[in-house]
Amino acid sequence: MPSGLVALLDDVSVIARAAAASADDIAVSASKAGSKTAGVVIDDAAVTPSYVTGLSPSRELPIIWAITKGSLFNKLVILLPGAILLSVFANWLIIWILMLGGAFLCYEGAEKVMEKLGGAKHGKTVADEIADPVAFEKQRVAGAVRTDLILSAEIMAITLSELDLPTWWEQSIALALVAVIVTVAVYGAVALIVKMDDVGLRMLRESEVTNIRRLGVFLLRAMPRLLVALSFVGTIAMLWVGGGIIVHGTHEVGFHLLYDAAHGAEHWVAGVTGALSGVAGWATYAAVSGVIGLVLGAIIAYVLHNIIGYEGAH
């Protein structure tokens, strides 16, 4: 009996150590894969505040919470099972799904650029008169969740393509871990951003301390500039990430022109910039990817709006 008990305990300890090692592998793999999604995460964080701009301050946090729940549903209920099924039964489809999402990001980014340059506006925005605030809020949340589905699909596909885990259940845990962390980080940051002006106003009205009142004034003045900056960063991120996905994806399926052009420019700039070669080379690759994304997105926008007649919904 003692020998059997000792053997059993030894088996349990082996299983426990294996489970601990597996959990560590999952955490490390999720961390590495999650870092690859940084561009899409920046895009997500930069785009989301626009969905509450111009609406009642009392509705900002409820709207962000509604979008957060929609984002978690997108990632955990819709995309995670689909990603695992693809990895098991149709791994070759992942690159095409990535490129489809990349093309959507290029289109969204290019359309924003064209509108800023005086092009036609497609879809209703907060600049228009709002006849029914409740219906309009629902429309904004639905639009945000729809856009989040595309961005979340990119995050999950990029994560899955970077995971180096042997079993489907380990991949599932890593994907879920990345999904929850990214969602909480993005929408937590967005909630802080959109309430910054309210915090500043409260500091200004209620505090008797001069430095706190000055901080309140700073926050009030910084908020509009921050939203403008985020809008700019979001557009750049859309084009850079979307174009980069297209460059990499076309190379993976055998079309090397875009990949060779982007990396050729990167290597040339890196070769002539000396100590700055790493940063300058990366910036060049990102810029070329962004230009490719802008051109592709403009073509898609032209086809959708001028040939198909799609008006869009923001």
C-alpha atoms as a PDB file:
ATOM      1  CA  MET A   1       0.000   0.000   0.000  1.00  0.00           C
ATOM      2  CA  PRO A   2       2.678   2.601   0.887  1.00  0.00           C
ATOM      3  CA  SER A   3       4.521   1.892  -2.350  1.00  0.00           C
ATOM      4  CA  GLY A   4       1.278   2.247  -4.303  1.00  0.00           C
ATOM      5  CA  LEU A   5       0.451   5.503  -2.507  1.00  0.00           C
ATOM      6  CA  VAL A   6       3.954   6.835  -3.109  1.00  0.00           C
ATOM      7  CA  ALA A   7       3.700   5.885  -6.775  1.00  0.00           C
ATOM      8  CA  LEU A   8       0.317   7.597  -7.034  1.00  0.00           C
ATOM      9  CA  LEU A   9       1.625  10.757  -5.377  1.00  0.00           C
ATOM     10  CA  ASP A  10       4.626  10.679  -7.689  1.00  0.00           C
ATOM     11  CA  ASP A  11       2.326  10.417 -10.699  1.00  0.00           C
ATOM     12  CA  VAL A  12       0.256  13.321  -9.398  1.00  0.00           C
ATOM     13  CA  SER A  13       3.372  15.427  -8.913  1.00  0.00           C
ATOM     14  CA  VAL A  14       4.499  14.670 -12.463  1.00  0.00           C
ATOM     15  CA  ILE A  15       1.091  15.652 -13.805  1.00  0.00           C
ATOM     16  CA  ALA A  16       1.120  18.826 -11.691  1.00  0.00           C
ATOM     17  CA  ARG A  17       4.579  19.780 -12.952  1.00  0.00           C
ATOM     18  CA  ALA A  18       3.504  19.129 -16.527  1.00  0.00           C
ATOM     19  CA  ALA A  19       0.385  21.232 -16.029  1.00  0.00           C
ATOM     20  CA  ALA A  20       2.438  24.048 -14.493  1.00  0.00           C
ATOM     21  CA  ALA A  21       4.902  23.919 -17.381  1.00  0.00           C
ATOM     22  CA  SER A  22       2.023  23.917 -19.841  1.00  0.00           C
ATOM     23  CA  ALA A  23       0.438  26.929 -18.120  1.00  0.00           C
ATOM     24  CA  ASP A  24       3.778  28.715 -18.262  1.00  0.00           C
ATOM     25  CA  ASP A  25       4.121  27.881 -21.973  1.00  0.00           C
ATOM     26  CA  ILE A  26       0.623  29.210 -22.585  1.00  0.00           C
ATOM     27  CA  ALA A  27       1.341  32.455 -20.744  1.00  0.00           C
ATOM     28  CA  VAL A  28       4.632  33.024 -22.557  1.00  0.00           C
ATOM     29  CA  SER A  29       3.156  32.123 -25.929  1.00  0.00           C
ATOM     30  CA  ALA A  30       0.132  34.365 -25.347  1.00  0.00           C
ATOM     31  CA  SER A  31       2.409  37.231 -24.336  1.00  0.00           C
ATOM     32  CA  LYS A  32       4.574  36.903 -27.453  1.00  0.00           C
ATOM     33  CA  ALA A  33       1.585  36.500 -29.762  1.00  0.00           C
ATOM     34  CA  GLY A  34      -0.275  39.374 -28.116  1.00  0.00           C
ATOM     35  CA  SER A  35       2.640  41.728 -28.721  1.00  0.00           C
ATOM     36  CA  LYS A  36       2.283  41.108 -32.465  1.00  0.00           C
ATOM     37  CA  THR A  37      -1.208  42.621 -32.367  1.00  0.00           C
ATOM     38  CA  ALA A  38       0.014  45.994 -31.066  1.00  0.00           C
ATOM     39  CA  GLY A  39      -0.821  47.848 -34.265  1.00  0.00           C
ATOM     40  CA  VAL A  40      -4.409  46.621 -34.333  1.00  0.00           C
ATOM     41  CA  VAL A  41      -4.799  47.341 -30.607  1.00  0.00           C
ATOM     42  CA  ILE A  42      -3.610  50.937 -31.149  1.00  0.00           C
ATOM     43  CA  ASP A  43      -6.114  51.232 -33.968  1.00  0.00           C
ATOM     44  CA  ASP A  44      -8.915  49.857 -31.779  1.00  0.00           C
ATOM     45  CA  ALA A  45      -8.101  52.209 -28.894  1.00  0.00           C
ATOM     46  CA  ALA A  46      -7.764  55.193 -31.209  1.00  0.00           C
ATOM     47  CA  VAL A  47     -11.002  54.602 -33.104  1.00  0.00           C
ATOM     48  CA  THR A  48     -13.351  53.807 -30.202  1.00  0.00           C
ATOM     49  CA  PRO A  49     -13.553  57.276 -28.538  1.00  0.00           C
ATOM     50  CA  SER A  50     -15.134  58.639 -31.722  1.00  0.00           C
ATOM     51  CA  TYR A  51     -18.241  56.561 -30.989  1.00  0.00           C
ATOM     52  CA  VAL A  52     -19.099  58.676 -27.927  1.00  0.00           C
ATOM     53  CA  THR A  53     -17.917  62.042 -29.257  1.00  0.00           C
ATOM     54  CA  GLY A  54     -20.798  64.548 -29.277  1.00  0.00           C
ATOM     55  CA  LEU A  55     -23.133  62.416 -27.169  1.00  0.00           C
ATOM     56  CA  SER A  56     -24.322  63.110 -23.610  1.00  0.00           C
ATOM     57  CA  PRO A  57     -21.512  62.754 -21.008  1.00  0.00           C
ATOM     58  CA  SER A  58     -23.863  60.698 -18.831  1.00  0.00           C
ATOM     59  CA  ARG A  59     -24.085  58.107 -21.607  1.00  0.00           C
ATOM     60  CA  GLU A  60     -20.338  57.785 -22.283  1.00  0.00           C
ATOM     61  CA  LEU A  61     -19.517  55.015 -19.808  1.00  0.00           C
ATOM     62  CA  PRO A  62     -22.705  52.997 -20.533  1.00  0.00           C
ATOM     63  CA  ILE A  63     -21.848  53.140 -24.239  1.00  0.00           C
ATOM     64  CA  ILE A  64     -18.242  52.058 -23.609  1.00  0.00           C
ATOM     65  CA  TRP A  65     -19.504  49.206 -21.400  1.00  0.00           C
ATOM     66  CA  ALA A  66     -21.951  48.091 -24.091  1.00  0.00           C
ATOM     67  CA  ILE A  67     -19.146  48.083 -26.665  1.00  0.00           C
ATOM     68  CA  THR A  68     -16.875  46.201 -24.227  1.00  0.00           C
ATOM     69  CA  LYS A  69     -19.468  43.448 -23.767  1.00  0.00           C
ATOM     70  CA  GLY A  70     -19.942  43.268 -27.514  1.00  0.00           C
ATOM     71  CA  SER A  71     -16.178  43.005 -28.005  1.00  0.00           C
ATOM     72  CA  LEU A  72     -15.859  40.153 -25.505  1.00  0.00           C
ATOM     73  CA  PHE A  73     -18.765  38.357 -27.193  1.00  0.00           C
ATOM     74  CA  ASN A  74     -17.080  38.853 -30.571  1.00  0.00           C
ATOM     75  CA  LYS A  75     -13.777  37.411 -29.358  1.00  0.00           C
ATOM     76  CA  LEU A  76     -14.831  34.621 -27.008  1.00  0.00           C
ATOM     77  CA  VAL A  77     -18.114  33.378 -28.487  1.00  0.00           C
ATOM     78  CA  ILE A  78     -17.805  34.033 -32.224  1.00  0.00           C
ATOM     79  CA  LEU A  79     -14.124  34.230 -33.109  1.00  0.00           C
ATOM     80  CA  LEU A  80     -12.343  31.905 -30.665  1.00  0.00           C
ATOM     81  CA  PRO A  81     -14.245  28.722 -31.640  1.00  0.00           C
ATOM     82  CA  GLY A  82     -13.932  29.669 -35.305  1.00  0.00           C
ATOM     83  CA  ALA A  83     -10.184  30.250 -34.938  1.00  0.00           C
ATOM     84  CA  ILE A  84      -9.645  26.873 -33.276  1.00  0.00           C
ATOM     85  CA  LEU A  85     -11.698  25.075 -35.934  1.00  0.00           C
ATOM     86  CA  LEU A  86      -9.682  26.788 -38.639  1.00  0.00           C
ATOM     87  CA  SER A  87      -6.377  25.870 -36.991  1.00  0.00           C
ATOM     88  CA  VAL A  88      -7.422  22.219 -36.796  1.00  0.00           C
ATOM     89  CA  PHE A  89      -9.271  21.708 -40.089  1.00  0.00           C
ATOM     90  CA  ALA A  90      -8.385  24.559 -42.472  1.00  0.00           C
ATOM     91  CA  ASN A  91      -5.194  26.252 -41.359  1.00  0.00           C
ATOM     92  CA  TRP A  92      -4.569  27.488 -44.916  1.00  0.00           C
ATOM     93  CA  LEU A  93      -7.616  29.777 -44.690  1.00  0.00           C
ATOM     94  CA  ILE A  94      -6.157  31.913 -41.884  1.00  0.00           C
ATOM     95  CA  ILE A  95      -3.921  33.969 -44.196  1.00  0.00           C
ATOM     96  CA  TRP A  96      -6.867  34.758 -46.501  1.00  0.00           C
ATOM     97  CA  ILE A  97      -9.012  35.845 -43.552  1.00  0.00           C
ATOM     98  CA  LEU A  98      -6.155  38.034 -42.373  1.00  0.00           C
ATOM     99  CA  MET A  99      -5.937  39.683 -45.790  1.00  0.00           C
ATOM    100  CA  LEU A 100      -9.700  40.192 -45.934  1.00  0.00           C
ATOM    101  CA  GLY A 101      -9.570  41.979 -42.583  1.00  0.00           C
ATOM    102  CA  GLY A 102      -6.509  43.913 -43.732  1.00  0.00           C
ATOM    103  CA  ALA A 103      -8.358  45.103 -46.811  1.00  0.00           C
ATOM    104  CA  PHE A 104     -11.220  46.307 -44.604  1.00  0.00           C
ATOM    105  CA  LEU A 105      -8.793  48.298 -42.455  1.00  0.00           C
ATOM    106  CA  CYS A 106      -7.282  49.840 -45.605  1.00  0.00           C
ATOM    107  CA  TYR A 107     -10.751  50.822 -46.799  1.00  0.00           C
ATOM    108  CA  GLU A 108     -11.704  52.379 -43.449  1.00  0.00           C
ATOM    109  CA  GLY A 109      -8.441  54.314 -43.240  1.00  0.00           C
ATOM    110  CA  ALA A 110      -8.535  55.501 -46.866  1.00  0.00           C
ATOM    111  CA  GLU A 111     -12.144  56.646 -46.516  1.00  0.00           C
ATOM    112  CA  LYS A 112     -11.222  58.767 -43.485  1.00  0.00           C
ATOM    113  CA  VAL A 113      -8.347  60.339 -45.438  1.00  0.00           C
ATOM    114  CA  MET A 114     -10.574  61.089 -48.415  1.00  0.00           C
ATOM    115  CA  GLU A 115     -13.234  62.661 -46.195  1.00  0.00           C
ATOM    116  CA  LYS A 116     -10.574  64.855 -44.525  1.00  0.00           C
ATOM    117  CA  LEU A 117      -9.412  65.975 -47.974  1.00  0.00           C
ATOM    118  CA  GLY A 118     -12.930  67.055 -48.919  1.00  0.00           C
ATOM    119  CA  GLY A 119     -14.338  63.846 -50.319  1.00  0.00           C
ATOM    120  CA  ALA A 120     -17.950  62.812 -49.908  1.00  0.00           C
ATOM    121  CA  LYS A 121     -19.041  61.730 -46.429  1.00  0.00           C
ATOM    122  CA  HIS A 122     -20.670  58.304 -46.232  1.00  0.00           C
ATOM    123  CA  GLY A 123     -23.005  57.407 -43.379  1.00  0.00           C
ATOM    124  CA  LYS A 124     -24.476  59.447 -40.542  1.00  0.00           C
ATOM    125  CA  THR A 125     -22.098  60.999 -37.993  1.00  0.00           C
ATOM    126  CA  VAL A 126     -22.373  63.077 -34.834  1.00  0.00           C
ATOM    127  CA  ALA A 127     -22.002  66.201 -36.998  1.00  0.00           C
ATOM    128  CA  ASP A 128     -25.536  65.598 -38.271  1.00  0.00           C
ATOM    129  CA  GLU A 129     -28.684  66.559 -36.399  1.00  0.00           C
ATOM    130  CA  ILE A 130     -29.778  63.734 -34.091  1.00  0.00           C
ATOM    131  CA  ALA A 131     -33.555  63.358 -34.118  1.00  0.00           C
ATOM    132  CA  ASP A 132     -33.737  60.255 -31.899  1.00  0.00           C
ATOM    133  CA  PRO A 133     -30.816  60.066 -29.391  1.00  0.00           C
ATOM    134  CA  VAL A 134     -31.747  56.567 -28.177  1.00  0.00           C
ATOM    135  CA  ALA A 135     -31.875  55.111 -31.681  1.00  0.00           C
ATOM    136  CA  PHE A 136     -28.704  56.953 -32.635  1.00  0.00           C
ATOM    137  CA  GLU A 137     -26.890  55.598 -29.563  1.00  0.00           C
ATOM    138  CA  LYS A 138     -27.914  52.057 -30.491  1.00  0.00           C
ATOM    139  CA  GLN A 139     -26.678  52.701 -34.022  1.00  0.00           C
ATOM    140  CA  ARG A 140     -23.316  53.939 -32.710  1.00  0.00           C
ATOM    141  CA  VAL A 141     -22.901  50.915 -30.426  1.00  0.00           C
ATOM    142  CA  ALA A 142     -23.847  48.534 -33.237  1.00  0.00           C
ATOM    143  CA  GLY A 143     -21.367  50.252 -35.553  1.00  0.00           C
ATOM    144  CA  ALA A 144     -18.617  50.090 -32.933  1.00  0.00           C
ATOM    145  CA  VAL A 145     -19.243  46.386 -32.253  1.00  0.00           C
ATOM    146  CA  ARG A 146     -19.292  45.691 -35.995  1.00  0.00           C
ATOM    147  CA  THR A 147     -15.950  47.448 -36.458  1.00  0.00           C
ATOM    148  CA  ASP A 148     -14.635  45.701 -33.347  1.00  0.00           C
ATOM    149  CA  LEU A 149     -15.551  42.348 -34.896  1.00  0.00           C
ATOM    150  CA  ILE A 150     -13.177  43.057 -37.787  1.00  0.00           C
ATOM    151  CA  LEU A 151     -10.418  44.352 -35.514  1.00  0.00           C
ATOM    152  CA  SER A 152     -10.944  41.458 -33.086  1.00  0.00           C
ATOM    153  CA  ALA A 153     -10.779  38.981 -35.962  1.00  0.00           C
ATOM    154  CA  GLU A 154      -7.439  40.509 -36.919  1.00  0.00           C
ATOM    155  CA  ILE A 155      -6.203  40.275 -33.319  1.00  0.00           C
ATOM    156  CA  MET A 156      -7.303  36.645 -32.988  1.00  0.00           C
ATOM    157  CA  ALA A 157      -5.938  35.636 -36.401  1.00  0.00           C
ATOM    158  CA  ILE A 158      -2.588  37.341 -35.773  1.00  0.00           C
ATOM    159  CA  THR A 159      -2.401  35.763 -32.318  1.00  0.00           C
ATOM    160  CA  LEU A 160      -3.235  32.317 -33.687  1.00  0.00           C
ATOM    161  CA  SER A 161      -0.653  32.629 -36.456  1.00  0.00           C
ATOM    162  CA  GLU A 162       2.025  33.461 -33.852  1.00  0.00           C
ATOM    163  CA  LEU A 163       1.168  30.774 -31.298  1.00  0.00           C
ATOM    164  CA  ASP A 164       3.573  27.879 -30.920  1.00  0.00           C
ATOM    165  CA  LEU A 165       1.457  25.516 -28.839  1.00  0.00           C
ATOM    166  CA  PRO A 166       0.924  21.827 -29.654  1.00  0.00           C
ATOM    167  CA  THR A 167      -2.716  21.254 -28.673  1.00  0.00           C
ATOM    168  CA  TRP A 168      -6.003  22.949 -29.494  1.00  0.00           C
ATOM    169  CA  TRP A 169      -6.934  23.444 -25.839  1.00  0.00           C
ATOM    170  CA  GLU A 170      -3.664  25.263 -25.103  1.00  0.00           C
ATOM    171  CA  GLN A 171      -4.288  27.467 -28.128  1.00  0.00           C
ATOM    172  CA  SER A 172      -7.818  28.119 -26.849  1.00  0.00           C
ATOM    173  CA  ILE A 173      -6.589  29.220 -23.427  1.00  0.00           C
ATOM    174  CA  ALA A 174      -3.919  31.466 -24.959  1.00  0.00           C
ATOM    175  CA  LEU A 175      -6.423  33.040 -27.347  1.00  0.00           C
ATOM    176  CA  ALA A 176      -8.912  33.624 -24.532  1.00  0.00           C
ATOM    177  CA  LEU A 177      -6.159  35.149 -22.387  1.00  0.00           C
ATOM    178  CA  VAL A 178      -5.132  37.559 -25.141  1.00  0.00           C
ATOM    179  CA  ALA A 179      -8.785  38.380 -25.905  1.00  0.00           C
ATOM    180  CA  VAL A 180      -9.653  39.324 -22.320  1.00  0.00           C
ATOM    181  CA  ILE A 181      -6.434  41.256 -21.634  1.00  0.00           C
ATOM    182  CA  VAL A 182      -6.636  43.229 -24.884  1.00  0.00           C
ATOM    183  CA  THR A 183     -10.321  44.039 -24.416  1.00  0.00           C
ATOM    184  CA  VAL A 184      -9.921  45.203 -20.808  1.00  0.00           C
ATOM    185  CA  ALA A 185      -6.822  47.239 -21.684  1.00  0.00           C
ATOM    186  CA  VAL A 186      -8.350  48.904 -24.749  1.00  0.00           C
ATOM    187  CA  TYR A 187     -11.753  49.799 -23.355  1.00  0.00           C
ATOM    188  CA  GLY A 188     -10.394  50.632 -19.898  1.00  0.00           C
ATOM    189  CA  ALA A 189      -8.075  53.145 -21.559  1.00  0.00           C
ATOM    190  CA  VAL A 190     -10.929  54.460 -23.692  1.00  0.00           C
ATOM    191  CA  ALA A 191     -13.116  54.956 -20.595  1.00  0.00           C
ATOM    192  CA  LEU A 192     -10.338  56.982 -18.955  1.00  0.00           C
ATOM    193  CA  ILE A 193      -9.863  59.077 -22.086  1.00  0.00           C
ATOM    194  CA  VAL A 194     -13.513  59.973 -22.602  1.00  0.00           C
ATOM    195  CA  LYS A 195     -13.982  60.941 -18.924  1.00  0.00           C
ATOM    196  CA  MET A 196     -10.842  63.061 -18.770  1.00  0.00           C
ATOM    197  CA  ASP A 197     -12.742  66.307 -19.349  1.00  0.00           C
ATOM    198  CA  ASP A 198     -15.279  65.472 -16.608  1.00  0.00           C
ATOM    199  CA  VAL A 199     -12.442  64.825 -14.137  1.00  0.00           C
ATOM    200  CA  GLY A 200     -10.816  68.109 -15.130  1.00  0.00           C
ATOM    201  CA  LEU A 201     -14.066  70.021 -14.722  1.00  0.00           C
ATOM    202  CA  ARG A 202     -14.595  68.546 -11.247  1.00  0.00           C
ATOM    203  CA  MET A 203     -11.053  69.472 -10.224  1.00  0.00           C
ATOM    204  CA  LEU A 204     -11.605  73.034 -11.415  1.00  0.00           C
ATOM    205  CA  ARG A 205     -14.974  73.479  -9.677  1.00  0.00           C
ATOM    206  CA  GLU A 206     -14.465  71.660  -6.396  1.00  0.00           C
ATOM    207  CA  SER A 207     -10.816  71.990  -5.430  1.00  0.00           C
ATOM    208  CA  GLU A 208      -9.349  74.927  -3.518  1.00  0.00           C
ATOM    209  CA  VAL A 209      -5.765  73.822  -4.264  1.00  0.00           C
ATOM    210  CA  THR A 210      -4.216  75.920  -7.013  1.00  0.00           C
ATOM    211  CA  ASN A 211      -2.136  73.120  -8.539  1.00  0.00           C
ATOM    212  CA  ILE A 212      -5.143  70.782  -8.718  1.00  0.00           C
ATOM    213  CA  ARG A 213      -7.221  73.503 -10.379  1.00  0.00           C
ATOM    214  CA  ARG A 214      -4.413  74.048 -12.887  1.00  0.00           C
ATOM    215  CA  LEU A 215      -4.354  70.320 -13.593  1.00  0.00           C
ATOM    216  CA  GLY A 216      -8.117  70.473 -14.151  1.00  0.00           C
ATOM    217  CA  VAL A 217      -7.695  73.276 -16.684  1.00  0.00           C
ATOM    218  CA  PHE A 218      -4.946  71.297 -18.406  1.00  0.00           C
ATOM    219  CA  LEU A 219      -7.180  68.218 -18.700  1.00  0.00           C
ATOM    220  CA  LEU A 220     -10.064  70.281 -20.090  1.00  0.00           C
ATOM    221  CA  ARG A 221      -7.840  71.870 -22.703  1.00  0.00           C
ATOM    222  CA  ALA A 222      -6.002  68.636 -23.540  1.00  0.00           C
ATOM    223  CA  MET A 223      -9.101  66.528 -24.205  1.00  0.00           C
ATOM    224  CA  PRO A 224     -10.060  67.996 -27.623  1.00  0.00           C
ATOM    225  CA  ARG A 225      -6.438  67.850 -28.786  1.00  0.00           C
ATOM    226  CA  LEU A 226      -6.106  64.272 -27.557  1.00  0.00           C
ATOM    227  CA  LEU A 227      -9.214  63.172 -29.467  1.00  0.00           C
ATOM    228  CA  VAL A 228      -7.899  64.813 -32.642  1.00  0.00           C
ATOM    229  CA  ALA A 229      -4.520  63.129 -32.118  1.00  0.00           C
ATOM    230  CA  LEU A 230      -6.189  59.757 -31.509  1.00  0.00           C
ATOM    231  CA  SER A 231      -8.249  60.131 -34.667  1.00  0.00           C
ATOM    232  CA  PHE A 232      -5.046  60.824 -36.625  1.00  0.00           C
ATOM    233  CA  VAL A 233      -3.194  57.921 -34.988  1.00  0.00           C
ATOM    234  CA  GLY A 234      -6.160  55.621 -35.605  1.00  0.00           C
ATOM    235  CA  THR A 235      -6.221  56.445 -39.310  1.00  0.00           C
ATOM    236  CA  ILE A 236      -2.464  55.952 -39.661  1.00  0.00           C
ATOM    237  CA  ALA A 237      -2.695  52.676 -37.719  1.00  0.00           C
ATOM    238  CA  MET A 238      -5.489  51.406 -39.974  1.00  0.00           C
ATOM    239  CA  LEU A 239      -3.433  52.051 -43.112  1.00  0.00           C
ATOM    240  CA  TRP A 240      -0.153  50.800 -41.650  1.00  0.00           C
ATOM    241  CA  VAL A 241      -1.606  47.623 -40.131  1.00  0.00           C
ATOM    242  CA  GLY A 242      -3.923  46.888 -43.051  1.00  0.00           C
ATOM    243  CA  GLY A 243      -1.218  47.518 -45.630  1.00  0.00           C
ATOM    244  CA  GLY A 244       1.294  45.454 -43.678  1.00  0.00           C
ATOM    245  CA  ILE A 245      -1.118  42.523 -43.521  1.00  0.00           C
ATOM    246  CA  ILE A 246      -1.647  42.719 -47.284  1.00  0.00           C
ATOM    247  CA  VAL A 247       2.113  42.919 -47.936  1.00  0.00           C
ATOM    248  CA  HIS A 248       2.823  39.888 -45.759  1.00  0.00           C
ATOM    249  CA  GLY A 249      -0.227  37.938 -46.889  1.00  0.00           C
ATOM    250  CA  THR A 250       0.389  38.317 -50.611  1.00  0.00           C
ATOM    251  CA  HIS A 251       3.973  37.171 -50.067  1.00  0.00           C
ATOM    252  CA  GLU A 252       2.740  34.083 -48.209  1.00  0.00           C
ATOM    253  CA  VAL A 253       0.458  33.068 -51.097  1.00  0.00           C
ATOM    254  CA  GLY A 254       3.130  33.530 -53.756  1.00  0.00           C
ATOM    255  CA  PHE A 255       2.791  37.161 -54.948  1.00  0.00           C
ATOM    256  CA  HIS A 256       6.057  38.819 -53.958  1.00  0.00           C
ATOM    257  CA  LEU A 257       5.976  42.262 -55.631  1.00  0.00           C
ATOM    258  CA  LEU A 258       4.619  44.252 -52.661  1.00  0.00           C
ATOM    259  CA  TYR A 259       6.761  42.383 -50.133  1.00  0.00           C
ATOM    260  CA  ASP A 260       9.929  42.866 -52.170  1.00  0.00           C
ATOM    261  CA  ALA A 261       9.198  46.577 -52.685  1.00  0.00           C
ATOM    262  CA  ALA A 262       8.500  47.232 -48.990  1.00  0.00           C
ATOM    263  CA  HIS A 263      11.483  45.274 -47.698  1.00  0.00           C
ATOM    264  CA  GLY A 264      13.722  46.572 -50.481  1.00  0.00           C
ATOM    265  CA  ALA A 265      12.977  50.139 -49.370  1.00  0.00           C
ATOM    266  CA  GLU A 266      13.471  49.139 -45.725  1.00  0.00           C
ATOM    267  CA  HIS A 267      16.886  47.585 -46.383  1.00  0.00           C
ATOM    268  CA  TRP A 268      18.055  50.496 -48.567  1.00  0.00           C
ATOM    269  CA  VAL A 269      17.155  53.084 -45.930  1.00  0.00           C
ATOM    270  CA  ALA A 270      18.682  50.948 -43.177  1.00  0.00           C
ATOM    271  CA  GLY A 271      21.884  50.717 -45.193  1.00  0.00           C
ATOM    272  CA  VAL A 272      22.334  54.490 -45.508  1.00  0.00           C
ATOM    273  CA  THR A 273      21.273  55.649 -42.037  1.00  0.00           C
ATOM    274  CA  GLY A 274      24.053  54.137 -39.929  1.00  0.00           C
ATOM    275  CA  ALA A 275      23.256  54.107 -36.211  1.00  0.00           C
ATOM    276  CA  LEU A 276      19.599  54.876 -36.938  1.00  0.00           C
ATOM    277  CA  SER A 277      19.256  51.949 -39.348  1.00  0.00           C
ATOM    278  CA  GLY A 278      16.905  49.917 -37.161  1.00  0.00           C
ATOM    279  CA  VAL A 279      14.408  52.701 -36.488  1.00  0.00           C
ATOM    280  CA  ALA A 280      14.708  54.251 -39.954  1.00  0.00           C
ATOM    281  CA  GLY A 281      14.322  50.879 -41.680  1.00  0.00           C
ATOM    282  CA  TRP A 282      11.242  49.986 -39.655  1.00  0.00           C
ATOM    283  CA  ALA A 283       9.702  53.424 -40.238  1.00  0.00           C
ATOM    284  CA  THR A 284      10.296  53.048 -43.978  1.00  0.00           C
ATOM    285  CA  TYR A 285       8.634  49.639 -44.068  1.00  0.00           C
ATOM    286  CA  ALA A 286       5.686  51.001 -42.078  1.00  0.00           C
ATOM    287  CA  ALA A 287       5.408  54.029 -44.386  1.00  0.00           C
ATOM    288  CA  VAL A 288       5.482  51.896 -47.541  1.00  0.00           C
ATOM    289  CA  SER A 289       2.882  49.568 -46.006  1.00  0.00           C
ATOM    290  CA  GLY A 290       0.727  52.607 -45.190  1.00  0.00           C
ATOM    291  CA  VAL A 291       0.957  53.927 -48.756  1.00  0.00           C
ATOM    292  CA  ILE A 292       0.022  50.490 -50.111  1.00  0.00           C
ATOM    293  CA  GLY A 293      -2.893  50.408 -47.667  1.00  0.00           C
ATOM    294  CA  LEU A 294      -4.017  53.891 -48.734  1.00  0.00           C
ATOM    295  CA  VAL A 295      -3.946  53.015 -52.444  1.00  0.00           C
ATOM    296  CA  LEU A 296      -5.759  49.702 -51.932  1.00  0.00           C
ATOM    297  CA  GLY A 297      -8.295  51.303 -49.588  1.00  0.00           C
ATOM    298  CA  ALA A 298      -8.994  54.130 -52.048  1.00  0.00           C
ATOM    299  CA  ILE A 299      -9.619  51.591 -54.812  1.00  0.00           C
ATOM    300  CA  ILE A 300     -11.991  49.611 -52.591  1.00  0.00           C
ATOM    301  CA  ALA A 301     -13.807  52.809 -51.521  1.00  0.00           C
ATOM    302  CA  TYR A 302     -14.183  53.922 -55.149  1.00  0.00           C
ATOM    303  CA  VAL A 303     -15.611  50.550 -56.188  1.00  0.00           C
ATOM    304  CA  LEU A 304     -17.999  50.397 -53.220  1.00  0.00           C
ATOM    305  CA  HIS A 305     -19.315  53.958 -53.473  1.00  0.00           C
ATOM    306  CA  ASN A 306     -19.121  54.748 -57.197  1.00  0.00           C
ATOM    307  CA  ILE A 307     -19.761  51.392 -58.822  1.00  0.00           C
ATOM    308  CA  ILE A 308     -21.715  49.312 -56.305  1.00  0.00           C
ATOM    309  CA  GLY A 309     -23.427  52.316 -54.662  1.00  0.00           C
ATOM    310  CA  TYR A 310     -22.744  51.377 -51.020  1.00  0.00           C
ATOM    311  CA  GLU A 311     -23.220  54.386 -48.707  1.00  0.00           C
ATOM    312  CA  GLY A 312     -21.864  52.907 -45.478  1.00  0.00           C
ATOM    313  CA  ALA A 313     -22.853  53.483 -41.857  1.00  0.00           C
ATOM    314  CA  HIS A 314     -20.613  55.049 -39.224  1.00  0.00           C
END
